[in-house]
Amino acid sequence: MTVIEPFWKQPSHPGILAVEVNPGSFTSRAISSRAFAPNEVVTKITGYTKAQNVAYSTVQVSATEHIELNSDLLYCNHSCDPNVVFDVSKYEVRAIKHIAVGDAITFFYPSSEWEMAQSFNCTCGSSSCLGLISGAKDLDAKTVQKYWFNQHIRQLLAQVPKP
């Protein structure tokens, strides 16, 4: 996997989130700089550009389009028990549960991704961890009922033949 070196001003969201880098493990994450209540907008998604190619760093915003975030939002990792949603219809990141200062900011990648550019084995540690994350197209109906999805993903899921 190619490591993306930030070219944007850092921090991109002062007072909202900070990036924590763990060089030895080659991991990074976005950490909340303040508390957020459920349904509170954490931040608007701004500064993005249309992606020329689908990559691990892009976010799907329609059935056919992806964007590069071009901000520290890139460091919001996946969790099977997320605390935010990336609502691409409103271009906002919204809390879905209480977030305390210092909590990792995480979202459910299949909520925006139909098919992941790079599938991966999840290490979120949640009791509801799904294991392999490859996109919404590979989720069973029971799992789909448990999560919030962007409109384009809901539309694609509706096109899948029911068993």
N, C-alpha and C. Protein backbone atom coordinates (compact mmCIF):
# COMPACT_ATOMS: atom_id res chain seq x y z
N MET A 1 0.85 -1.17 0.00
CA MET A 1 0.00 0.00 0.00
C MET A 1 0.89 1.24 0.00
N THR A 2 0.56 2.19 -0.81
CA THR A 2 1.30 3.44 -0.89
C THR A 2 0.89 4.34 0.27
N VAL A 3 1.86 4.90 0.95
CA VAL A 3 1.58 5.84 2.03
C VAL A 3 1.39 7.22 1.42
N ILE A 4 0.30 7.88 1.78
CA ILE A 4 0.04 9.22 1.26
C ILE A 4 0.67 10.24 2.19
N GLU A 5 1.54 11.04 1.64
CA GLU A 5 2.14 12.14 2.39
C GLU A 5 1.20 13.33 2.26
N PRO A 6 0.76 13.90 3.37
CA PRO A 6 -0.17 15.03 3.31
C PRO A 6 0.43 16.21 2.55
N PHE A 7 -0.32 16.73 1.63
CA PHE A 7 0.07 17.94 0.89
C PHE A 7 -0.81 19.11 1.33
N TRP A 8 -1.80 18.84 2.16
CA TRP A 8 -2.70 19.86 2.66
C TRP A 8 -2.15 20.44 3.96
N LYS A 9 -2.65 21.61 4.31
CA LYS A 9 -2.24 22.25 5.56
C LYS A 9 -2.67 21.37 6.73
N GLN A 10 -1.72 21.15 7.63
CA GLN A 10 -2.03 20.35 8.81
C GLN A 10 -1.84 21.17 10.07
N PRO A 11 -2.71 21.02 11.04
CA PRO A 11 -3.89 20.17 10.99
C PRO A 11 -4.97 20.80 10.09
N SER A 12 -5.71 19.97 9.40
CA SER A 12 -6.74 20.49 8.51
C SER A 12 -8.03 20.81 9.26
N HIS A 13 -8.20 20.24 10.45
CA HIS A 13 -9.42 20.45 11.23
C HIS A 13 -9.06 20.76 12.69
N PRO A 14 -8.32 21.87 12.93
CA PRO A 14 -7.91 22.17 14.31
C PRO A 14 -9.11 22.33 15.22
N GLY A 15 -8.97 21.81 16.43
CA GLY A 15 -10.06 21.89 17.40
C GLY A 15 -11.13 20.84 17.18
N ILE A 16 -11.04 20.09 16.09
CA ILE A 16 -12.03 19.06 15.78
C ILE A 16 -11.39 17.67 15.85
N LEU A 17 -10.28 17.51 15.11
CA LEU A 17 -9.58 16.23 15.14
C LEU A 17 -8.09 16.45 14.97
N ALA A 18 -7.35 15.49 15.47
CA ALA A 18 -5.89 15.48 15.33
C ALA A 18 -5.49 14.13 14.76
N VAL A 19 -4.33 14.09 14.14
CA VAL A 19 -3.83 12.83 13.58
C VAL A 19 -2.79 12.26 14.53
N GLU A 20 -2.96 11.00 14.85
CA GLU A 20 -2.01 10.28 15.68
C GLU A 20 -1.31 9.26 14.78
N VAL A 21 0.01 9.37 14.68
CA VAL A 21 0.79 8.48 13.82
C VAL A 21 1.64 7.57 14.70
N ASN A 22 1.64 6.30 14.37
CA ASN A 22 2.45 5.31 15.07
C ASN A 22 3.46 4.75 14.07
N PRO A 23 4.62 5.42 13.93
CA PRO A 23 5.58 5.05 12.87
C PRO A 23 6.03 3.60 12.90
N GLY A 24 6.23 3.03 14.06
CA GLY A 24 6.71 1.65 14.14
C GLY A 24 5.74 0.65 13.56
N SER A 25 4.45 0.93 13.67
CA SER A 25 3.45 -0.01 13.16
C SER A 25 2.87 0.45 11.83
N PHE A 26 3.33 1.58 11.33
CA PHE A 26 2.84 2.14 10.07
C PHE A 26 1.33 2.37 10.11
N THR A 27 0.83 2.76 11.28
CA THR A 27 -0.60 3.04 11.41
C THR A 27 -0.80 4.49 11.80
N SER A 28 -1.97 4.97 11.49
CA SER A 28 -2.35 6.33 11.88
C SER A 28 -3.85 6.34 12.10
N ARG A 29 -4.32 7.35 12.83
CA ARG A 29 -5.75 7.46 13.07
C ARG A 29 -6.10 8.89 13.40
N ALA A 30 -7.36 9.21 13.16
CA ALA A 30 -7.90 10.52 13.52
C ALA A 30 -8.48 10.41 14.93
N ILE A 31 -8.10 11.37 15.77
CA ILE A 31 -8.52 11.39 17.17
C ILE A 31 -9.35 12.65 17.40
N SER A 32 -10.45 12.51 18.12
CA SER A 32 -11.31 13.65 18.40
C SER A 32 -10.62 14.63 19.34
N SER A 33 -10.67 15.90 18.97
CA SER A 33 -10.10 16.96 19.82
C SER A 33 -11.12 17.54 20.77
N ARG A 34 -12.38 17.19 20.59
CA ARG A 34 -13.44 17.64 21.49
C ARG A 34 -14.56 16.61 21.50
N ALA A 35 -15.48 16.77 22.43
CA ALA A 35 -16.61 15.84 22.52
C ALA A 35 -17.68 16.20 21.50
N PHE A 36 -18.38 15.18 21.03
CA PHE A 36 -19.50 15.36 20.11
C PHE A 36 -20.68 14.53 20.60
N ALA A 37 -21.87 15.08 20.45
CA ALA A 37 -23.10 14.38 20.80
C ALA A 37 -23.63 13.63 19.58
N PRO A 38 -24.43 12.60 19.79
CA PRO A 38 -25.05 11.92 18.65
C PRO A 38 -25.81 12.90 17.76
N ASN A 39 -25.70 12.73 16.46
CA ASN A 39 -26.33 13.56 15.42
C ASN A 39 -25.67 14.92 15.23
N GLU A 40 -24.63 15.22 15.99
CA GLU A 40 -23.92 16.49 15.81
C GLU A 40 -22.99 16.39 14.60
N VAL A 41 -22.96 17.45 13.81
CA VAL A 41 -22.04 17.50 12.67
C VAL A 41 -20.63 17.70 13.22
N VAL A 42 -19.76 16.77 12.91
CA VAL A 42 -18.36 16.86 13.33
C VAL A 42 -17.65 17.88 12.45
N THR A 43 -17.85 17.77 11.14
CA THR A 43 -17.26 18.72 10.19
C THR A 43 -17.90 18.54 8.83
N LYS A 44 -17.84 19.56 8.03
CA LYS A 44 -18.23 19.46 6.63
C LYS A 44 -17.06 18.84 5.86
N ILE A 45 -17.37 18.18 4.77
CA ILE A 45 -16.34 17.63 3.90
C ILE A 45 -16.07 18.67 2.83
N THR A 46 -14.91 19.31 2.92
CA THR A 46 -14.54 20.37 1.99
C THR A 46 -13.13 20.10 1.47
N GLY A 47 -12.74 20.79 0.43
CA GLY A 47 -11.38 20.66 -0.08
C GLY A 47 -11.13 19.39 -0.88
N TYR A 48 -12.17 18.62 -1.11
CA TYR A 48 -12.02 17.37 -1.85
C TYR A 48 -11.86 17.63 -3.35
N THR A 49 -11.36 16.64 -4.05
CA THR A 49 -11.28 16.68 -5.51
C THR A 49 -11.82 15.37 -6.05
N LYS A 50 -12.33 15.42 -7.28
CA LYS A 50 -12.81 14.20 -7.93
C LYS A 50 -11.61 13.30 -8.17
N ALA A 51 -11.75 12.03 -7.81
CA ALA A 51 -10.66 11.07 -7.97
C ALA A 51 -10.58 10.61 -9.42
N GLN A 52 -9.37 10.55 -9.92
CA GLN A 52 -9.16 10.04 -11.27
C GLN A 52 -9.18 8.51 -11.28
N ASN A 53 -8.76 7.91 -10.16
CA ASN A 53 -8.73 6.46 -10.02
C ASN A 53 -9.26 6.08 -8.65
N VAL A 54 -9.88 4.94 -8.56
CA VAL A 54 -10.34 4.42 -7.28
C VAL A 54 -9.13 3.89 -6.52
N ALA A 55 -9.01 4.26 -5.25
CA ALA A 55 -7.88 3.84 -4.43
C ALA A 55 -8.34 3.66 -2.99
N TYR A 56 -7.45 3.13 -2.16
CA TYR A 56 -7.80 2.96 -0.75
C TYR A 56 -8.09 4.29 -0.07
N SER A 57 -7.60 5.37 -0.62
CA SER A 57 -7.75 6.69 -0.02
C SER A 57 -9.00 7.44 -0.49
N THR A 58 -9.72 6.89 -1.46
CA THR A 58 -10.89 7.60 -1.99
C THR A 58 -12.16 7.22 -1.25
N VAL A 59 -13.16 8.09 -1.37
CA VAL A 59 -14.49 7.84 -0.80
C VAL A 59 -15.48 7.87 -1.96
N GLN A 60 -16.31 6.85 -2.04
CA GLN A 60 -17.31 6.78 -3.10
C GLN A 60 -18.47 7.71 -2.77
N VAL A 61 -18.85 8.58 -3.72
CA VAL A 61 -19.91 9.56 -3.49
C VAL A 61 -21.13 9.34 -4.38
N SER A 62 -21.03 8.43 -5.33
CA SER A 62 -22.16 8.04 -6.17
C SER A 62 -21.85 6.66 -6.72
N ALA A 63 -22.75 6.13 -7.52
CA ALA A 63 -22.52 4.80 -8.09
C ALA A 63 -21.27 4.75 -8.95
N THR A 64 -20.86 5.91 -9.47
CA THR A 64 -19.74 5.93 -10.42
C THR A 64 -18.60 6.88 -10.05
N GLU A 65 -18.73 7.65 -8.99
CA GLU A 65 -17.71 8.66 -8.67
C GLU A 65 -17.11 8.47 -7.28
N HIS A 66 -15.83 8.79 -7.20
CA HIS A 66 -15.08 8.80 -5.94
C HIS A 66 -14.40 10.15 -5.79
N ILE A 67 -14.11 10.51 -4.54
CA ILE A 67 -13.37 11.74 -4.27
C ILE A 67 -12.14 11.42 -3.44
N GLU A 68 -11.15 12.30 -3.55
CA GLU A 68 -10.02 12.31 -2.62
C GLU A 68 -10.36 13.37 -1.58
N LEU A 69 -10.23 13.05 -0.32
CA LEU A 69 -10.61 13.97 0.75
C LEU A 69 -9.66 15.16 0.87
N ASN A 70 -8.38 14.96 0.60
CA ASN A 70 -7.39 16.04 0.67
C ASN A 70 -7.39 16.74 2.02
N SER A 71 -7.57 15.97 3.08
CA SER A 71 -7.57 16.53 4.43
C SER A 71 -7.27 15.42 5.43
N ASP A 72 -7.19 15.81 6.70
CA ASP A 72 -6.93 14.83 7.75
C ASP A 72 -8.08 13.85 7.95
N LEU A 73 -9.22 14.07 7.29
CA LEU A 73 -10.30 13.09 7.32
C LEU A 73 -9.85 11.76 6.73
N LEU A 74 -8.80 11.79 5.92
CA LEU A 74 -8.22 10.56 5.36
C LEU A 74 -7.86 9.58 6.47
N TYR A 75 -7.55 10.07 7.66
CA TYR A 75 -7.09 9.23 8.76
C TYR A 75 -8.23 8.67 9.62
N CYS A 76 -9.48 8.90 9.21
CA CYS A 76 -10.62 8.27 9.88
C CYS A 76 -10.66 6.82 9.42
N ASN A 77 -10.39 5.93 10.32
CA ASN A 77 -10.30 4.51 9.99
C ASN A 77 -11.66 3.84 10.00
N HIS A 78 -11.67 2.61 9.51
CA HIS A 78 -12.88 1.77 9.50
C HIS A 78 -13.11 1.18 10.88
N SER A 79 -14.37 1.00 11.24
CA SER A 79 -14.75 0.19 12.38
C SER A 79 -16.09 -0.47 12.08
N CYS A 80 -16.27 -1.67 12.58
CA CYS A 80 -17.56 -2.34 12.47
C CYS A 80 -18.52 -1.83 13.54
N ASP A 81 -18.03 -0.99 14.44
CA ASP A 81 -18.84 -0.31 15.45
C ASP A 81 -18.46 1.18 15.41
N PRO A 82 -18.82 1.86 14.31
CA PRO A 82 -18.34 3.23 14.07
C PRO A 82 -19.01 4.26 14.97
N ASN A 83 -18.36 5.44 15.06
CA ASN A 83 -18.97 6.53 15.82
C ASN A 83 -19.36 7.72 14.94
N VAL A 84 -19.05 7.67 13.65
CA VAL A 84 -19.49 8.71 12.71
C VAL A 84 -19.97 8.08 11.41
N VAL A 85 -20.71 8.87 10.63
CA VAL A 85 -21.02 8.52 9.25
C VAL A 85 -20.45 9.62 8.37
N PHE A 86 -19.99 9.22 7.20
CA PHE A 86 -19.60 10.16 6.16
C PHE A 86 -20.81 10.27 5.24
N ASP A 87 -21.63 11.30 5.45
CA ASP A 87 -22.85 11.49 4.67
C ASP A 87 -22.49 12.28 3.43
N VAL A 88 -22.33 11.58 2.30
CA VAL A 88 -21.86 12.24 1.09
C VAL A 88 -22.96 13.00 0.37
N SER A 89 -24.21 12.82 0.76
CA SER A 89 -25.28 13.64 0.16
C SER A 89 -25.25 15.05 0.73
N LYS A 90 -24.80 15.17 1.97
CA LYS A 90 -24.70 16.48 2.63
C LYS A 90 -23.24 16.94 2.74
N TYR A 91 -22.33 16.11 2.32
CA TYR A 91 -20.89 16.37 2.45
C TYR A 91 -20.56 16.79 3.88
N GLU A 92 -20.95 15.89 4.81
CA GLU A 92 -20.64 16.13 6.21
C GLU A 92 -20.30 14.83 6.91
N VAL A 93 -19.53 14.98 7.97
CA VAL A 93 -19.23 13.88 8.87
C VAL A 93 -20.07 14.13 10.11
N ARG A 94 -20.87 13.12 10.50
CA ARG A 94 -21.83 13.31 11.58
C ARG A 94 -21.66 12.20 12.63
N ALA A 95 -21.68 12.61 13.90
CA ALA A 95 -21.58 11.64 15.00
C ALA A 95 -22.86 10.80 15.04
N ILE A 96 -22.70 9.51 15.29
CA ILE A 96 -23.87 8.65 15.45
C ILE A 96 -23.96 8.09 16.88
N LYS A 97 -22.99 8.44 17.68
CA LYS A 97 -23.00 8.12 19.11
C LYS A 97 -22.10 9.14 19.80
N HIS A 98 -22.10 9.13 21.11
CA HIS A 98 -21.26 10.07 21.85
C HIS A 98 -19.79 9.80 21.52
N ILE A 99 -19.06 10.88 21.28
CA ILE A 99 -17.61 10.80 21.04
C ILE A 99 -16.93 11.65 22.10
N ALA A 100 -16.02 11.06 22.83
CA ALA A 100 -15.28 11.79 23.86
C ALA A 100 -13.96 12.31 23.29
N VAL A 101 -13.40 13.30 23.96
CA VAL A 101 -12.07 13.79 23.58
C VAL A 101 -11.10 12.60 23.61
N GLY A 102 -10.32 12.45 22.56
CA GLY A 102 -9.34 11.37 22.49
C GLY A 102 -9.83 10.09 21.84
N ASP A 103 -11.14 10.00 21.58
CA ASP A 103 -11.66 8.81 20.89
C ASP A 103 -11.20 8.81 19.44
N ALA A 104 -10.92 7.63 18.92
CA ALA A 104 -10.66 7.50 17.48
C ALA A 104 -11.96 7.79 16.74
N ILE A 105 -11.86 8.52 15.64
CA ILE A 105 -13.03 8.80 14.80
C ILE A 105 -13.05 7.75 13.71
N THR A 106 -14.12 6.95 13.70
CA THR A 106 -14.20 5.81 12.78
C THR A 106 -15.54 5.79 12.05
N PHE A 107 -15.51 5.24 10.83
CA PHE A 107 -16.77 5.03 10.12
C PHE A 107 -16.76 3.65 9.46
N PHE A 108 -17.92 3.21 9.06
CA PHE A 108 -18.11 1.90 8.44
C PHE A 108 -17.87 2.05 6.95
N TYR A 109 -16.71 1.61 6.46
CA TYR A 109 -16.34 1.85 5.06
C TYR A 109 -17.40 1.41 4.06
N PRO A 110 -18.06 0.25 4.24
CA PRO A 110 -19.08 -0.12 3.26
C PRO A 110 -20.28 0.84 3.21
N SER A 111 -20.39 1.75 4.15
CA SER A 111 -21.49 2.73 4.10
C SER A 111 -21.36 3.66 2.91
N SER A 112 -20.17 3.75 2.35
CA SER A 112 -19.97 4.57 1.15
C SER A 112 -19.36 3.78 0.00
N GLU A 113 -18.80 2.61 0.28
CA GLU A 113 -18.06 1.85 -0.74
C GLU A 113 -18.81 0.60 -1.17
N TRP A 114 -19.15 0.52 -2.45
CA TRP A 114 -19.80 -0.66 -3.00
C TRP A 114 -18.79 -1.80 -3.11
N GLU A 115 -17.62 -1.50 -3.64
CA GLU A 115 -16.56 -2.48 -3.79
C GLU A 115 -15.24 -1.80 -3.43
N MET A 116 -14.56 -2.33 -2.43
CA MET A 116 -13.33 -1.71 -1.95
C MET A 116 -12.21 -1.87 -2.97
N ALA A 117 -11.41 -0.83 -3.13
CA ALA A 117 -10.23 -0.91 -3.99
C ALA A 117 -9.26 -1.94 -3.43
N GLN A 118 -9.19 -2.02 -2.10
CA GLN A 118 -8.33 -3.00 -1.42
C GLN A 118 -9.11 -3.59 -0.25
N SER A 119 -9.57 -4.81 -0.40
CA SER A 119 -10.21 -5.50 0.72
C SER A 119 -9.18 -5.68 1.83
N PHE A 120 -9.66 -5.83 3.06
CA PHE A 120 -8.73 -6.02 4.18
C PHE A 120 -9.41 -6.78 5.30
N ASN A 121 -8.60 -7.41 6.13
CA ASN A 121 -9.10 -8.07 7.32
C ASN A 121 -9.19 -7.04 8.42
N CYS A 122 -10.40 -6.82 8.91
CA CYS A 122 -10.64 -5.80 9.92
C CYS A 122 -10.00 -6.19 11.25
N THR A 123 -9.45 -5.19 11.91
CA THR A 123 -8.85 -5.39 13.23
C THR A 123 -9.46 -4.42 14.24
N CYS A 124 -10.73 -4.05 14.02
CA CYS A 124 -11.35 -3.03 14.87
C CYS A 124 -11.53 -3.50 16.31
N GLY A 125 -11.59 -4.81 16.53
CA GLY A 125 -11.72 -5.32 17.88
C GLY A 125 -13.13 -5.32 18.43
N SER A 126 -14.09 -4.88 17.65
CA SER A 126 -15.48 -4.85 18.09
C SER A 126 -16.03 -6.26 18.23
N SER A 127 -16.94 -6.45 19.18
CA SER A 127 -17.59 -7.76 19.31
C SER A 127 -18.44 -8.08 18.09
N SER A 128 -18.76 -7.05 17.31
CA SER A 128 -19.55 -7.25 16.08
C SER A 128 -18.68 -7.18 14.82
N CYS A 129 -17.37 -7.38 14.97
CA CYS A 129 -16.45 -7.28 13.84
C CYS A 129 -16.84 -8.26 12.74
N LEU A 130 -16.85 -7.77 11.51
CA LEU A 130 -17.25 -8.58 10.36
C LEU A 130 -16.10 -9.36 9.74
N GLY A 131 -14.87 -9.09 10.14
CA GLY A 131 -13.73 -9.79 9.55
C GLY A 131 -13.30 -9.14 8.25
N LEU A 132 -13.48 -9.83 7.14
CA LEU A 132 -13.07 -9.30 5.84
C LEU A 132 -14.00 -8.16 5.40
N ILE A 133 -13.41 -7.02 5.08
CA ILE A 133 -14.16 -5.85 4.60
C ILE A 133 -13.83 -5.69 3.12
N SER A 134 -14.85 -5.83 2.28
CA SER A 134 -14.63 -5.76 0.83
C SER A 134 -15.63 -4.86 0.13
N GLY A 135 -16.55 -4.25 0.88
CA GLY A 135 -17.54 -3.36 0.29
C GLY A 135 -18.95 -3.84 0.57
N ALA A 136 -19.92 -2.95 0.35
CA ALA A 136 -21.31 -3.26 0.64
C ALA A 136 -21.86 -4.39 -0.21
N LYS A 137 -21.34 -4.56 -1.41
CA LYS A 137 -21.87 -5.59 -2.32
C LYS A 137 -21.73 -6.99 -1.75
N ASP A 138 -20.83 -7.19 -0.81
CA ASP A 138 -20.59 -8.51 -0.24
C ASP A 138 -21.26 -8.74 1.11
N LEU A 139 -22.07 -7.79 1.56
CA LEU A 139 -22.74 -7.93 2.86
C LEU A 139 -24.05 -8.70 2.71
N ASP A 140 -24.34 -9.54 3.70
CA ASP A 140 -25.62 -10.24 3.67
C ASP A 140 -26.73 -9.32 4.19
N ALA A 141 -27.97 -9.70 3.93
CA ALA A 141 -29.12 -8.85 4.27
C ALA A 141 -29.20 -8.55 5.77
N LYS A 142 -28.86 -9.53 6.60
CA LYS A 142 -28.91 -9.33 8.06
C LYS A 142 -27.92 -8.25 8.48
N THR A 143 -26.73 -8.28 7.91
CA THR A 143 -25.71 -7.28 8.23
C THR A 143 -26.13 -5.91 7.73
N VAL A 144 -26.68 -5.84 6.53
CA VAL A 144 -27.12 -4.57 5.94
C VAL A 144 -28.12 -3.87 6.86
N GLN A 145 -28.99 -4.62 7.51
CA GLN A 145 -30.01 -4.03 8.38
C GLN A 145 -29.42 -3.33 9.60
N LYS A 146 -28.20 -3.65 9.96
CA LYS A 146 -27.57 -3.11 11.18
C LYS A 146 -26.89 -1.75 10.99
N TYR A 147 -26.71 -1.34 9.73
CA TYR A 147 -25.87 -0.17 9.47
C TYR A 147 -26.60 0.92 8.69
N TRP A 148 -26.06 2.13 8.82
CA TRP A 148 -26.48 3.29 8.02
C TRP A 148 -25.67 3.24 6.73
N PHE A 149 -26.34 3.53 5.60
CA PHE A 149 -25.67 3.56 4.30
C PHE A 149 -26.02 4.83 3.55
N ASN A 150 -25.08 5.32 2.76
CA ASN A 150 -25.35 6.45 1.87
C ASN A 150 -26.37 6.04 0.81
N GLN A 151 -27.04 7.04 0.25
CA GLN A 151 -28.11 6.80 -0.72
C GLN A 151 -27.64 5.96 -1.91
N HIS A 152 -26.47 6.25 -2.46
CA HIS A 152 -26.02 5.49 -3.63
C HIS A 152 -25.80 4.02 -3.29
N ILE A 153 -25.39 3.73 -2.08
CA ILE A 153 -25.21 2.34 -1.66
C ILE A 153 -26.57 1.69 -1.44
N ARG A 154 -27.51 2.40 -0.83
CA ARG A 154 -28.86 1.85 -0.67
C ARG A 154 -29.48 1.51 -2.03
N GLN A 155 -29.26 2.39 -3.01
CA GLN A 155 -29.79 2.14 -4.35
C GLN A 155 -29.14 0.91 -4.98
N LEU A 156 -27.84 0.77 -4.83
CA LEU A 156 -27.15 -0.41 -5.37
C LEU A 156 -27.59 -1.69 -4.66
N LEU A 157 -27.77 -1.62 -3.34
CA LEU A 157 -28.24 -2.78 -2.59
C LEU A 157 -29.64 -3.20 -3.04
N ALA A 158 -30.48 -2.23 -3.37
CA ALA A 158 -31.85 -2.52 -3.82
C ALA A 158 -31.87 -3.27 -5.15
N GLN A 159 -30.80 -3.15 -5.92
CA GLN A 159 -30.72 -3.82 -7.22
C GLN A 159 -30.24 -5.27 -7.12
N VAL A 160 -29.76 -5.66 -5.95
CA VAL A 160 -29.25 -7.02 -5.76
C VAL A 160 -30.44 -7.97 -5.65
N PRO A 161 -30.46 -9.04 -6.46
CA PRO A 161 -31.57 -10.01 -6.37
C PRO A 161 -31.65 -10.62 -4.97
N LYS A 162 -32.86 -10.75 -4.47
CA LYS A 162 -33.08 -11.35 -3.15
C LYS A 162 -33.10 -12.88 -3.29
N PRO A 163 -32.47 -13.60 -2.35
CA PRO A 163 -32.44 -15.08 -2.44
C PRO A 163 -33.81 -15.68 -2.19
